[in-house]
């Protein structure tokens, strides 16, 4: 019996990682997975917005194939950067509705495989409030998706307060995705903005929400930050020291900086590697970490491999891969 077990283990170990992942019943929940409605793709082409080839090439079949290869049961979909705002409020409202209706149809067409982080047309606050009502009440979306900034306004800007008040009332999940702020485009023409600016803008958004007092004022919103929180976990000491240097900020932080940072959830999309995971796991408990892939820009298997190589226990991998997302969004349990 011992010899047979050893032989079986050796055979399993000799299998390619991809084959072993495919043999596992899909169970993961991917909270950072992008879709591209055809009319949204057409709008990107019409506006000549470059660097969107993976977005433009997306299809539902490609998503499902990648999910199946990596053992993902359900992907909660969202629109990626540049989002639905191109400067006109009505156009943004129309595009948000198009994208959300498409996501709802995708969920219906493939039962159990897709969830929805609905788009809203910020910085148009009135339009955003209407779309929140439609998305959560009619479409039964799993949460709301927002970018980290809109032009020269980050998420703690006072003009967005009615949106946060409504989402707090609903105890909603809010998924955030980075973008490039107006201040920082084309700083290094030879370096794609996603390489540096996306992580940096996530950190700016977190700082703005925390130090403006927004998260303390609206404590029932469940935030998810992409890419392991950007650069924030690595520079967290600067966050915690800021109120020492600027004591007036303490009025916005009744529980302190770390209390707010450790309440947030963070996905591992494009961050399933030792540098990011080492910083993140020193900051938050495993219960706050969610599985994400950034598909179609990266694959599920990239992230399954990265998490396994980091040395998480099987219990931790189960929590990150599925259980933490189910606790956050119980409606996904049936997937």
C-alpha atoms as a PDB file:
ATOM      1  CA  UNK A   1       0.000   0.000   0.000  1.00  0.00           C
ATOM      2  CA  UNK A   2       2.833   2.367   0.881  1.00  0.00           C
ATOM      3  CA  UNK A   3       4.508   1.604  -2.421  1.00  0.00           C
ATOM      4  CA  UNK A   4       1.306   2.217  -4.370  1.00  0.00           C
ATOM      5  CA  UNK A   5       0.734   5.523  -2.595  1.00  0.00           C
ATOM      6  CA  UNK A   6       4.284   6.607  -3.307  1.00  0.00           C
ATOM      7  CA  UNK A   7       3.919   5.630  -6.941  1.00  0.00           C
ATOM      8  CA  UNK A   8       0.664   7.583  -7.195  1.00  0.00           C
ATOM      9  CA  UNK A   9       2.232  10.628  -5.606  1.00  0.00           C
ATOM     10  CA  UNK A  10       5.206  10.410  -7.935  1.00  0.00           C
ATOM     11  CA  UNK A  11       2.917  10.135 -10.956  1.00  0.00           C
ATOM     12  CA  UNK A  12       0.930  13.153  -9.792  1.00  0.00           C
ATOM     13  CA  UNK A  13       4.088  15.161  -9.210  1.00  0.00           C
ATOM     14  CA  UNK A  14       5.338  14.288 -12.678  1.00  0.00           C
ATOM     15  CA  UNK A  15       2.172  15.636 -14.309  1.00  0.00           C
ATOM     16  CA  UNK A  16       2.379  19.136 -15.720  1.00  0.00           C
ATOM     17  CA  UNK A  17       0.966  21.736 -13.311  1.00  0.00           C
ATOM     18  CA  UNK A  18      -1.680  22.636 -15.897  1.00  0.00           C
ATOM     19  CA  UNK A  19      -2.953  19.047 -16.023  1.00  0.00           C
ATOM     20  CA  UNK A  20      -3.223  18.765 -12.241  1.00  0.00           C
ATOM     21  CA  UNK A  21      -5.105  22.079 -12.057  1.00  0.00           C
ATOM     22  CA  UNK A  22      -7.524  20.956 -14.763  1.00  0.00           C
ATOM     23  CA  UNK A  23      -8.226  17.703 -12.865  1.00  0.00           C
ATOM     24  CA  UNK A  24      -9.494  19.669  -9.873  1.00  0.00           C
ATOM     25  CA  UNK A  25     -13.194  20.475  -9.715  1.00  0.00           C
ATOM     26  CA  UNK A  26     -13.523  24.217 -10.373  1.00  0.00           C
ATOM     27  CA  UNK A  27     -14.006  26.022  -7.064  1.00  0.00           C
ATOM     28  CA  UNK A  28     -12.201  29.355  -7.261  1.00  0.00           C
ATOM     29  CA  UNK A  29     -13.950  32.710  -7.419  1.00  0.00           C
ATOM     30  CA  UNK A  30     -12.105  35.299  -9.497  1.00  0.00           C
ATOM     31  CA  UNK A  31     -13.000  38.839  -8.400  1.00  0.00           C
ATOM     32  CA  UNK A  32     -10.785  40.597 -10.961  1.00  0.00           C
ATOM     33  CA  UNK A  33     -11.927  39.398 -14.363  1.00  0.00           C
ATOM     34  CA  UNK A  34     -12.780  41.702 -17.252  1.00  0.00           C
ATOM     35  CA  UNK A  35     -15.439  41.447 -19.934  1.00  0.00           C
ATOM     36  CA  UNK A  36     -15.908  43.507 -23.068  1.00  0.00           C
ATOM     37  CA  UNK A  37     -19.438  44.078 -24.383  1.00  0.00           C
ATOM     38  CA  UNK A  38     -19.337  44.493 -28.178  1.00  0.00           C
ATOM     39  CA  UNK A  39     -20.713  48.051 -28.056  1.00  0.00           C
ATOM     40  CA  UNK A  40     -18.072  48.999 -25.498  1.00  0.00           C
ATOM     41  CA  UNK A  41     -15.349  47.557 -27.731  1.00  0.00           C
ATOM     42  CA  UNK A  42     -16.742  49.547 -30.647  1.00  0.00           C
ATOM     43  CA  UNK A  43     -16.614  52.722 -28.560  1.00  0.00           C
ATOM     44  CA  UNK A  44     -12.957  52.154 -27.690  1.00  0.00           C
ATOM     45  CA  UNK A  45     -12.162  51.671 -31.369  1.00  0.00           C
ATOM     46  CA  UNK A  46     -14.164  54.746 -32.363  1.00  0.00           C
ATOM     47  CA  UNK A  47     -12.272  56.848 -29.854  1.00  0.00           C
ATOM     48  CA  UNK A  48      -8.932  55.367 -30.962  1.00  0.00           C
ATOM     49  CA  UNK A  49      -7.991  54.394 -27.410  1.00  0.00           C
ATOM     50  CA  UNK A  50      -4.819  52.345 -27.793  1.00  0.00           C
ATOM     51  CA  UNK A  51      -3.305  49.567 -25.717  1.00  0.00           C
ATOM     52  CA  UNK A  52      -6.579  47.649 -25.547  1.00  0.00           C
ATOM     53  CA  UNK A  53      -5.826  44.603 -27.673  1.00  0.00           C
ATOM     54  CA  UNK A  54      -6.604  41.961 -25.001  1.00  0.00           C
ATOM     55  CA  UNK A  55      -9.809  43.829 -24.142  1.00  0.00           C
ATOM     56  CA  UNK A  56     -10.887  44.030 -27.790  1.00  0.00           C
ATOM     57  CA  UNK A  57     -10.102  40.333 -28.379  1.00  0.00           C
ATOM     58  CA  UNK A  58     -12.130  39.128 -25.386  1.00  0.00           C
ATOM     59  CA  UNK A  59     -14.979  36.634 -25.801  1.00  0.00           C
ATOM     60  CA  UNK A  60     -17.032  34.664 -23.252  1.00  0.00           C
ATOM     61  CA  UNK A  61     -15.525  31.436 -24.612  1.00  0.00           C
ATOM     62  CA  UNK A  62     -12.004  32.671 -23.922  1.00  0.00           C
ATOM     63  CA  UNK A  63     -12.968  33.513 -20.351  1.00  0.00           C
ATOM     64  CA  UNK A  64     -14.526  30.121 -19.702  1.00  0.00           C
ATOM     65  CA  UNK A  65     -11.627  28.239 -21.292  1.00  0.00           C
ATOM     66  CA  UNK A  66      -9.149  30.059 -19.075  1.00  0.00           C
ATOM     67  CA  UNK A  67     -11.309  29.562 -15.993  1.00  0.00           C
ATOM     68  CA  UNK A  68     -11.596  25.833 -16.657  1.00  0.00           C
ATOM     69  CA  UNK A  69      -7.836  25.450 -17.107  1.00  0.00           C
ATOM     70  CA  UNK A  70      -7.201  27.036 -13.708  1.00  0.00           C
ATOM     71  CA  UNK A  71     -10.065  25.580 -11.699  1.00  0.00           C
ATOM     72  CA  UNK A  72     -12.205  28.720 -11.457  1.00  0.00           C
ATOM     73  CA  UNK A  73     -15.919  28.176 -10.960  1.00  0.00           C
ATOM     74  CA  UNK A  74     -17.087  31.804 -11.114  1.00  0.00           C
ATOM     75  CA  UNK A  75     -15.616  35.065 -12.343  1.00  0.00           C
ATOM     76  CA  UNK A  76     -17.120  38.315 -11.099  1.00  0.00           C
ATOM     77  CA  UNK A  77     -16.804  40.486 -14.181  1.00  0.00           C
ATOM     78  CA  UNK A  78     -16.037  44.172 -14.524  1.00  0.00           C
ATOM     79  CA  UNK A  79     -15.157  46.733 -17.156  1.00  0.00           C
ATOM     80  CA  UNK A  80     -11.486  47.627 -17.146  1.00  0.00           C
ATOM     81  CA  UNK A  81      -9.794  50.968 -17.675  1.00  0.00           C
ATOM     82  CA  UNK A  82     -10.737  53.443 -19.167  1.00  0.00           C
ATOM     83  CA  UNK A  83     -14.223  52.689 -17.826  1.00  0.00           C
ATOM     84  CA  UNK A  84     -17.383  54.311 -19.191  1.00  0.00           C
ATOM     85  CA  UNK A  85     -16.638  58.007 -18.653  1.00  0.00           C
ATOM     86  CA  UNK A  86     -15.378  59.903 -21.705  1.00  0.00           C
ATOM     87  CA  UNK A  87     -16.479  63.395 -20.701  1.00  0.00           C
ATOM     88  CA  UNK A  88     -20.223  63.373 -21.422  1.00  0.00           C
ATOM     89  CA  UNK A  89     -22.669  62.458 -18.666  1.00  0.00           C
ATOM     90  CA  UNK A  90     -25.467  61.065 -20.832  1.00  0.00           C
ATOM     91  CA  UNK A  91     -23.072  59.004 -22.924  1.00  0.00           C
ATOM     92  CA  UNK A  92     -21.536  57.611 -19.744  1.00  0.00           C
ATOM     93  CA  UNK A  93     -24.977  56.722 -18.353  1.00  0.00           C
ATOM     94  CA  UNK A  94     -25.899  54.962 -21.586  1.00  0.00           C
ATOM     95  CA  UNK A  95     -22.630  53.031 -21.725  1.00  0.00           C
ATOM     96  CA  UNK A  96     -22.856  51.952 -18.079  1.00  0.00           C
ATOM     97  CA  UNK A  97     -26.343  50.581 -18.736  1.00  0.00           C
ATOM     98  CA  UNK A  98     -25.162  48.778 -21.886  1.00  0.00           C
ATOM     99  CA  UNK A  99     -22.265  47.186 -20.024  1.00  0.00           C
ATOM    100  CA  UNK A 100     -24.349  46.176 -17.015  1.00  0.00           C
ATOM    101  CA  UNK A 101     -27.141  44.676 -19.099  1.00  0.00           C
ATOM    102  CA  UNK A 102     -24.560  42.737 -21.087  1.00  0.00           C
ATOM    103  CA  UNK A 103     -22.986  41.407 -17.872  1.00  0.00           C
ATOM    104  CA  UNK A 104     -26.417  40.329 -16.630  1.00  0.00           C
ATOM    105  CA  UNK A 105     -27.122  38.482 -19.878  1.00  0.00           C
ATOM    106  CA  UNK A 106     -23.722  36.784 -19.679  1.00  0.00           C
ATOM    107  CA  UNK A 107     -24.558  35.600 -16.166  1.00  0.00           C
ATOM    108  CA  UNK A 108     -27.911  34.291 -17.421  1.00  0.00           C
ATOM    109  CA  UNK A 109     -26.420  32.567 -20.463  1.00  0.00           C
ATOM    110  CA  UNK A 110     -23.764  30.760 -18.401  1.00  0.00           C
ATOM    111  CA  UNK A 111     -25.408  29.915 -15.052  1.00  0.00           C
ATOM    112  CA  UNK A 112     -23.004  29.856 -12.157  1.00  0.00           C
ATOM    113  CA  UNK A 113     -19.990  30.997 -14.172  1.00  0.00           C
ATOM    114  CA  UNK A 114     -20.218  34.781 -13.952  1.00  0.00           C
ATOM    115  CA  UNK A 115     -21.048  37.472 -11.430  1.00  0.00           C
ATOM    116  CA  UNK A 116     -21.278  41.255 -11.845  1.00  0.00           C
ATOM    117  CA  UNK A 117     -19.448  44.273 -10.532  1.00  0.00           C
ATOM    118  CA  UNK A 118     -21.625  46.904 -12.139  1.00  0.00           C
ATOM    119  CA  UNK A 119     -20.238  50.028 -13.786  1.00  0.00           C
ATOM    120  CA  UNK A 120     -21.462  53.463 -12.721  1.00  0.00           C
ATOM    121  CA  UNK A 121     -20.933  56.743 -14.618  1.00  0.00           C
ATOM    122  CA  UNK A 122     -18.805  58.646 -12.105  1.00  0.00           C
ATOM    123  CA  UNK A 123     -18.006  61.527 -11.844  1.00  0.00           C
ATOM    124  CA  UNK A 124     -21.688  62.041 -12.758  1.00  0.00           C
ATOM    125  CA  UNK A 125     -23.105  61.559  -9.250  1.00  0.00           C
ATOM    126  CA  UNK A 126     -26.795  61.692 -10.177  1.00  0.00           C
ATOM    127  CA  UNK A 127     -26.260  59.170 -12.946  1.00  0.00           C
ATOM    128  CA  UNK A 128     -24.228  56.977 -10.611  1.00  0.00           C
ATOM    129  CA  UNK A 129     -27.016  56.915  -8.022  1.00  0.00           C
ATOM    130  CA  UNK A 130     -29.566  55.883 -10.650  1.00  0.00           C
ATOM    131  CA  UNK A 131     -27.323  53.123 -11.959  1.00  0.00           C
ATOM    132  CA  UNK A 132     -26.601  51.823  -8.456  1.00  0.00           C
ATOM    133  CA  UNK A 133     -30.338  51.423  -7.895  1.00  0.00           C
ATOM    134  CA  UNK A 134     -30.806  49.634 -11.215  1.00  0.00           C
ATOM    135  CA  UNK A 135     -27.745  47.433 -10.857  1.00  0.00           C
ATOM    136  CA  UNK A 136     -28.383  46.286  -7.289  1.00  0.00           C
ATOM    137  CA  UNK A 137     -32.184  46.159  -7.261  1.00  0.00           C
ATOM    138  CA  UNK A 138     -33.012  45.030 -10.796  1.00  0.00           C
ATOM    139  CA  UNK A 139     -29.916  43.188 -12.000  1.00  0.00           C
ATOM    140  CA  UNK A 140     -28.963  41.911  -8.525  1.00  0.00           C
ATOM    141  CA  UNK A 141     -25.306  42.714  -9.166  1.00  0.00           C
ATOM    142  CA  UNK A 142     -22.757  41.395  -6.679  1.00  0.00           C
ATOM    143  CA  UNK A 143     -21.260  44.838  -6.180  1.00  0.00           C
ATOM    144  CA  UNK A 144     -20.303  48.108  -7.795  1.00  0.00           C
ATOM    145  CA  UNK A 145     -17.113  48.747  -9.737  1.00  0.00           C
ATOM    146  CA  UNK A 146     -15.312  52.099  -9.775  1.00  0.00           C
ATOM    147  CA  UNK A 147     -11.975  53.412 -11.006  1.00  0.00           C
ATOM    148  CA  UNK A 148      -9.421  54.757  -8.538  1.00  0.00           C
ATOM    149  CA  UNK A 149      -9.729  58.282  -9.913  1.00  0.00           C
ATOM    150  CA  UNK A 150     -11.714  60.375 -12.360  1.00  0.00           C
ATOM    151  CA  UNK A 151      -9.680  63.131 -13.968  1.00  0.00           C
ATOM    152  CA  UNK A 152      -8.346  65.085 -11.001  1.00  0.00           C
ATOM    153  CA  UNK A 153     -10.699  63.592  -8.393  1.00  0.00           C
ATOM    154  CA  UNK A 154      -9.881  60.562  -6.267  1.00  0.00           C
ATOM    155  CA  UNK A 155     -12.406  58.477  -4.374  1.00  0.00           C
ATOM    156  CA  UNK A 156     -12.428  60.579  -1.225  1.00  0.00           C
ATOM    157  CA  UNK A 157     -13.444  63.739  -3.091  1.00  0.00           C
ATOM    158  CA  UNK A 158     -16.351  65.509  -1.338  1.00  0.00           C
ATOM    159  CA  UNK A 159     -18.458  65.511  -4.510  1.00  0.00           C
ATOM    160  CA  UNK A 160     -18.714  61.706  -4.347  1.00  0.00           C
ATOM    161  CA  UNK A 161     -20.160  61.654  -0.840  1.00  0.00           C
ATOM    162  CA  UNK A 162     -23.792  60.971  -1.942  1.00  0.00           C
ATOM    163  CA  UNK A 163     -22.583  57.847  -3.748  1.00  0.00           C
ATOM    164  CA  UNK A 164     -20.752  56.571  -0.683  1.00  0.00           C
ATOM    165  CA  UNK A 165     -23.735  57.349   1.524  1.00  0.00           C
ATOM    166  CA  UNK A 166     -25.990  55.222  -0.668  1.00  0.00           C
ATOM    167  CA  UNK A 167     -23.512  52.363  -0.942  1.00  0.00           C
ATOM    168  CA  UNK A 168     -22.968  52.472   2.814  1.00  0.00           C
ATOM    169  CA  UNK A 169     -26.729  52.300   3.375  1.00  0.00           C
ATOM    170  CA  UNK A 170     -26.803  49.192   1.229  1.00  0.00           C
ATOM    171  CA  UNK A 171     -23.657  47.693   2.833  1.00  0.00           C
ATOM    172  CA  UNK A 172     -22.426  47.208  -0.709  1.00  0.00           C
ATOM    173  CA  UNK A 173     -19.249  45.623  -2.012  1.00  0.00           C
ATOM    174  CA  UNK A 174     -17.205  48.151  -3.995  1.00  0.00           C
ATOM    175  CA  UNK A 175     -14.510  46.822  -6.307  1.00  0.00           C
ATOM    176  CA  UNK A 176     -11.891  49.328  -7.417  1.00  0.00           C
ATOM    177  CA  UNK A 177      -9.722  49.210 -10.521  1.00  0.00           C
ATOM    178  CA  UNK A 178      -6.736  51.459 -11.179  1.00  0.00           C
ATOM    179  CA  UNK A 179      -6.386  53.995 -13.912  1.00  0.00           C
ATOM    180  CA  UNK A 180      -3.925  56.754 -14.772  1.00  0.00           C
ATOM    181  CA  UNK A 181      -4.516  60.162 -13.260  1.00  0.00           C
ATOM    182  CA  UNK A 182      -4.396  63.272 -15.430  1.00  0.00           C
ATOM    183  CA  UNK A 183      -1.266  64.367 -13.603  1.00  0.00           C
ATOM    184  CA  UNK A 184       0.795  61.389 -14.629  1.00  0.00           C
ATOM    185  CA  UNK A 185       0.202  60.516 -18.267  1.00  0.00           C
ATOM    186  CA  UNK A 186       3.224  60.163 -20.563  1.00  0.00           C
ATOM    187  CA  UNK A 187       5.763  60.856 -17.845  1.00  0.00           C
ATOM    188  CA  UNK A 188       7.914  58.055 -19.260  1.00  0.00           C
ATOM    189  CA  UNK A 189       6.838  57.633 -22.880  1.00  0.00           C
ATOM    190  CA  UNK A 190       8.723  54.360 -23.234  1.00  0.00           C
ATOM    191  CA  UNK A 191       6.949  52.790 -20.214  1.00  0.00           C
ATOM    192  CA  UNK A 192       3.293  51.766 -20.432  1.00  0.00           C
ATOM    193  CA  UNK A 193       1.288  53.606 -17.777  1.00  0.00           C
ATOM    194  CA  UNK A 194       0.008  50.318 -16.346  1.00  0.00           C
ATOM    195  CA  UNK A 195       3.515  49.375 -15.250  1.00  0.00           C
ATOM    196  CA  UNK A 196       3.887  52.120 -12.618  1.00  0.00           C
ATOM    197  CA  UNK A 197       0.869  54.399 -12.543  1.00  0.00           C
ATOM    198  CA  UNK A 198      -1.809  51.770 -11.910  1.00  0.00           C
ATOM    199  CA  UNK A 199      -0.238  50.633  -8.636  1.00  0.00           C
ATOM    200  CA  UNK A 200       0.473  54.221  -7.644  1.00  0.00           C
ATOM    201  CA  UNK A 201      -3.065  55.408  -8.338  1.00  0.00           C
ATOM    202  CA  UNK A 202      -4.455  52.575  -6.220  1.00  0.00           C
ATOM    203  CA  UNK A 203      -2.316  53.847  -3.349  1.00  0.00           C
ATOM    204  CA  UNK A 204      -3.547  57.410  -3.944  1.00  0.00           C
ATOM    205  CA  UNK A 205      -7.157  56.238  -3.873  1.00  0.00           C
ATOM    206  CA  UNK A 206      -6.634  54.348  -0.613  1.00  0.00           C
ATOM    207  CA  UNK A 207      -4.907  57.363   0.932  1.00  0.00           C
ATOM    208  CA  UNK A 208      -7.697  59.695  -0.173  1.00  0.00           C
ATOM    209  CA  UNK A 209     -10.425  57.452   1.209  1.00  0.00           C
ATOM    210  CA  UNK A 210      -8.635  57.010   4.528  1.00  0.00           C
ATOM    211  CA  UNK A 211      -7.269  60.499   5.205  1.00  0.00           C
ATOM    212  CA  UNK A 212     -10.385  62.312   3.994  1.00  0.00           C
ATOM    213  CA  UNK A 213     -12.352  60.384   6.616  1.00  0.00           C
ATOM    214  CA  UNK A 214     -14.565  58.772   3.960  1.00  0.00           C
ATOM    215  CA  UNK A 215     -14.095  55.183   5.122  1.00  0.00           C
ATOM    216  CA  UNK A 216     -14.573  56.122   8.777  1.00  0.00           C
ATOM    217  CA  UNK A 217     -17.771  58.012   7.898  1.00  0.00           C
ATOM    218  CA  UNK A 218     -19.136  55.148   5.768  1.00  0.00           C
ATOM    219  CA  UNK A 219     -17.875  52.037   7.574  1.00  0.00           C
ATOM    220  CA  UNK A 220     -20.307  49.538   6.068  1.00  0.00           C
ATOM    221  CA  UNK A 221     -18.930  49.685   2.519  1.00  0.00           C
ATOM    222  CA  UNK A 222     -16.812  46.603   1.794  1.00  0.00           C
ATOM    223  CA  UNK A 223     -13.941  47.778  -0.422  1.00  0.00           C
ATOM    224  CA  UNK A 224     -11.834  45.548  -2.659  1.00  0.00           C
ATOM    225  CA  UNK A 225      -8.555  46.995  -3.944  1.00  0.00           C
ATOM    226  CA  UNK A 226      -6.872  45.513  -6.981  1.00  0.00           C
ATOM    227  CA  UNK A 227      -3.313  44.243  -7.359  1.00  0.00           C
ATOM    228  CA  UNK A 228      -2.709  43.664  -3.627  1.00  0.00           C
ATOM    229  CA  UNK A 229      -3.337  47.325  -2.857  1.00  0.00           C
ATOM    230  CA  UNK A 230      -0.828  48.692  -5.341  1.00  0.00           C
ATOM    231  CA  UNK A 231       2.252  50.109  -3.637  1.00  0.00           C
ATOM    232  CA  UNK A 232       0.459  50.798  -0.348  1.00  0.00           C
ATOM    233  CA  UNK A 233       1.501  47.658   1.600  1.00  0.00           C
ATOM    234  CA  UNK A 234       5.160  48.358   0.801  1.00  0.00           C
ATOM    235  CA  UNK A 235       4.964  52.006   1.924  1.00  0.00           C
ATOM    236  CA  UNK A 236       2.462  51.465   4.736  1.00  0.00           C
ATOM    237  CA  UNK A 237       4.775  52.980   7.349  1.00  0.00           C
ATOM    238  CA  UNK A 238       4.449  56.317   5.547  1.00  0.00           C
ATOM    239  CA  UNK A 239       0.657  56.002   5.891  1.00  0.00           C
ATOM    240  CA  UNK A 240       0.813  55.224   9.589  1.00  0.00           C
ATOM    241  CA  UNK A 241       3.280  58.052  10.293  1.00  0.00           C
ATOM    242  CA  UNK A 242       1.326  60.722   8.437  1.00  0.00           C
ATOM    243  CA  UNK A 243      -1.032  61.551  11.361  1.00  0.00           C
ATOM    244  CA  UNK A 244       2.048  62.023  13.536  1.00  0.00           C
ATOM    245  CA  UNK A 245       3.330  64.609  11.092  1.00  0.00           C
ATOM    246  CA  UNK A 246      -0.104  66.146  10.471  1.00  0.00           C
ATOM    247  CA  UNK A 247      -2.088  65.709  13.721  1.00  0.00           C
ATOM    248  CA  UNK A 248      -5.157  67.435  12.270  1.00  0.00           C
ATOM    249  CA  UNK A 249      -5.799  64.236  10.286  1.00  0.00           C
ATOM    250  CA  UNK A 250      -6.588  62.337  13.474  1.00  0.00           C
ATOM    251  CA  UNK A 251     -10.097  63.809  13.485  1.00  0.00           C
ATOM    252  CA  UNK A 252     -10.770  61.642  10.400  1.00  0.00           C
ATOM    253  CA  UNK A 253      -9.251  58.519  11.950  1.00  0.00           C
ATOM    254  CA  UNK A 254     -11.106  57.639  15.168  1.00  0.00           C
ATOM    255  CA  UNK A 255      -9.754  54.077  15.024  1.00  0.00           C
ATOM    256  CA  UNK A 256      -6.362  54.819  13.494  1.00  0.00           C
ATOM    257  CA  UNK A 257      -4.861  54.184  10.059  1.00  0.00           C
ATOM    258  CA  UNK A 258      -4.156  50.468  10.385  1.00  0.00           C
ATOM    259  CA  UNK A 259      -7.705  49.741  11.482  1.00  0.00           C
ATOM    260  CA  UNK A 260      -9.013  51.076   8.158  1.00  0.00           C
ATOM    261  CA  UNK A 261      -6.330  49.479   5.990  1.00  0.00           C
ATOM    262  CA  UNK A 262      -6.865  46.095   7.603  1.00  0.00           C
ATOM    263  CA  UNK A 263     -10.630  46.221   7.017  1.00  0.00           C
ATOM    264  CA  UNK A 264     -10.184  46.385   3.259  1.00  0.00           C
ATOM    265  CA  UNK A 265     -10.020  43.396   0.944  1.00  0.00           C
ATOM    266  CA  UNK A 266      -7.249  43.007  -1.633  1.00  0.00           C
ATOM    267  CA  UNK A 267      -7.119  40.836  -4.728  1.00  0.00           C
ATOM    268  CA  UNK A 268      -3.961  39.158  -5.996  1.00  0.00           C
ATOM    269  CA  UNK A 269      -4.378  39.971  -9.695  1.00  0.00           C
ATOM    270  CA  UNK A 270      -0.895  40.566 -11.147  1.00  0.00           C
ATOM    271  CA  UNK A 271       0.406  40.341  -7.569  1.00  0.00           C
ATOM    272  CA  UNK A 272       0.766  36.574  -7.043  1.00  0.00           C
ATOM    273  CA  UNK A 273       4.523  36.859  -6.581  1.00  0.00           C
ATOM    274  CA  UNK A 274       6.780  36.978  -3.501  1.00  0.00           C
ATOM    275  CA  UNK A 275       7.366  40.743  -3.386  1.00  0.00           C
ATOM    276  CA  UNK A 276       3.714  41.735  -3.357  1.00  0.00           C
ATOM    277  CA  UNK A 277       2.488  38.806  -1.269  1.00  0.00           C
ATOM    278  CA  UNK A 278       5.190  39.272   1.370  1.00  0.00           C
ATOM    279  CA  UNK A 279       4.161  42.899   1.887  1.00  0.00           C
ATOM    280  CA  UNK A 280       0.440  42.182   1.785  1.00  0.00           C
ATOM    281  CA  UNK A 281       0.514  39.253   4.213  1.00  0.00           C
ATOM    282  CA  UNK A 282       2.501  41.341   6.717  1.00  0.00           C
ATOM    283  CA  UNK A 283      -0.272  43.936   6.613  1.00  0.00           C
ATOM    284  CA  UNK A 284      -3.514  41.931   6.567  1.00  0.00           C
ATOM    285  CA  UNK A 285      -4.844  38.544   7.557  1.00  0.00           C
ATOM    286  CA  UNK A 286      -5.441  35.903   4.927  1.00  0.00           C
ATOM    287  CA  UNK A 287      -9.175  36.519   5.438  1.00  0.00           C
ATOM    288  CA  UNK A 288      -8.803  39.831   3.566  1.00  0.00           C
ATOM    289  CA  UNK A 289      -7.122  38.386   0.459  1.00  0.00           C
ATOM    290  CA  UNK A 290      -9.133  37.431  -2.631  1.00  0.00           C
ATOM    291  CA  UNK A 291      -8.298  35.526  -5.788  1.00  0.00           C
ATOM    292  CA  UNK A 292      -8.086  37.604  -8.965  1.00  0.00           C
ATOM    293  CA  UNK A 293      -6.452  37.193 -12.355  1.00  0.00           C
ATOM    294  CA  UNK A 294      -6.861  40.358 -14.460  1.00  0.00           C
ATOM    295  CA  UNK A 295      -8.027  38.173 -17.358  1.00  0.00           C
ATOM    296  CA  UNK A 296      -7.646  38.724 -20.325  1.00  0.00           C
ATOM    297  CA  UNK A 297      -4.362  40.448 -19.475  1.00  0.00           C
ATOM    298  CA  UNK A 298      -3.116  37.490 -17.413  1.00  0.00           C
ATOM    299  CA  UNK A 299      -4.242  33.896 -16.957  1.00  0.00           C
ATOM    300  CA  UNK A 300      -5.784  31.979 -14.096  1.00  0.00           C
ATOM    301  CA  UNK A 301      -2.910  29.503 -14.071  1.00  0.00           C
ATOM    302  CA  UNK A 302      -0.383  32.317 -13.619  1.00  0.00           C
ATOM    303  CA  UNK A 303      -2.007  33.127 -10.306  1.00  0.00           C
ATOM    304  CA  UNK A 304      -2.671  29.564  -9.165  1.00  0.00           C
ATOM    305  CA  UNK A 305       1.027  28.817  -9.658  1.00  0.00           C
ATOM    306  CA  UNK A 306       2.151  32.003  -7.948  1.00  0.00           C
ATOM    307  CA  UNK A 307       0.030  31.437  -4.855  1.00  0.00           C
ATOM    308  CA  UNK A 308       1.140  27.812  -4.578  1.00  0.00           C
ATOM    309  CA  UNK A 309       4.810  28.752  -4.918  1.00  0.00           C
ATOM    310  CA  UNK A 310       4.535  31.371  -2.163  1.00  0.00           C
ATOM    311  CA  UNK A 311       3.926  28.624   0.373  1.00  0.00           C
ATOM    312  CA  UNK A 312       0.385  29.249   1.569  1.00  0.00           C
ATOM    313  CA  UNK A 313      -1.168  26.312   3.413  1.00  0.00           C
ATOM    314  CA  UNK A 314      -4.000  24.392   1.766  1.00  0.00           C
ATOM    315  CA  UNK A 315      -6.449  26.037   4.160  1.00  0.00           C
ATOM    316  CA  UNK A 316      -5.144  29.461   3.165  1.00  0.00           C
ATOM    317  CA  UNK A 317      -5.338  28.615  -0.532  1.00  0.00           C
ATOM    318  CA  UNK A 318      -8.936  27.514  -0.059  1.00  0.00           C
ATOM    319  CA  UNK A 319      -9.738  30.756   1.781  1.00  0.00           C
ATOM    320  CA  UNK A 320      -8.068  32.958  -0.837  1.00  0.00           C
ATOM    321  CA  UNK A 321      -9.379  30.948  -3.743  1.00  0.00           C
ATOM    322  CA  UNK A 322     -13.010  30.826  -2.662  1.00  0.00           C
ATOM    323  CA  UNK A 323     -14.087  31.091   0.962  1.00  0.00           C
ATOM    324  CA  UNK A 324     -13.207  34.750   1.529  1.00  0.00           C
ATOM    325  CA  UNK A 325     -15.204  35.782  -1.543  1.00  0.00           C
ATOM    326  CA  UNK A 326     -18.218  33.755  -0.384  1.00  0.00           C
ATOM    327  CA  UNK A 327     -18.128  35.459   3.012  1.00  0.00           C
ATOM    328  CA  UNK A 328     -18.044  38.819   1.290  1.00  0.00           C
ATOM    329  CA  UNK A 329     -20.691  37.927  -1.309  1.00  0.00           C
ATOM    330  CA  UNK A 330     -22.761  34.991   0.032  1.00  0.00           C
ATOM    331  CA  UNK A 331     -24.849  34.845  -3.147  1.00  0.00           C
ATOM    332  CA  UNK A 332     -21.813  33.271  -4.848  1.00  0.00           C
ATOM    333  CA  UNK A 333     -21.922  30.236  -2.553  1.00  0.00           C
ATOM    334  CA  UNK A 334     -24.094  28.251  -4.958  1.00  0.00           C
ATOM    335  CA  UNK A 335     -21.500  28.548  -7.726  1.00  0.00           C
END
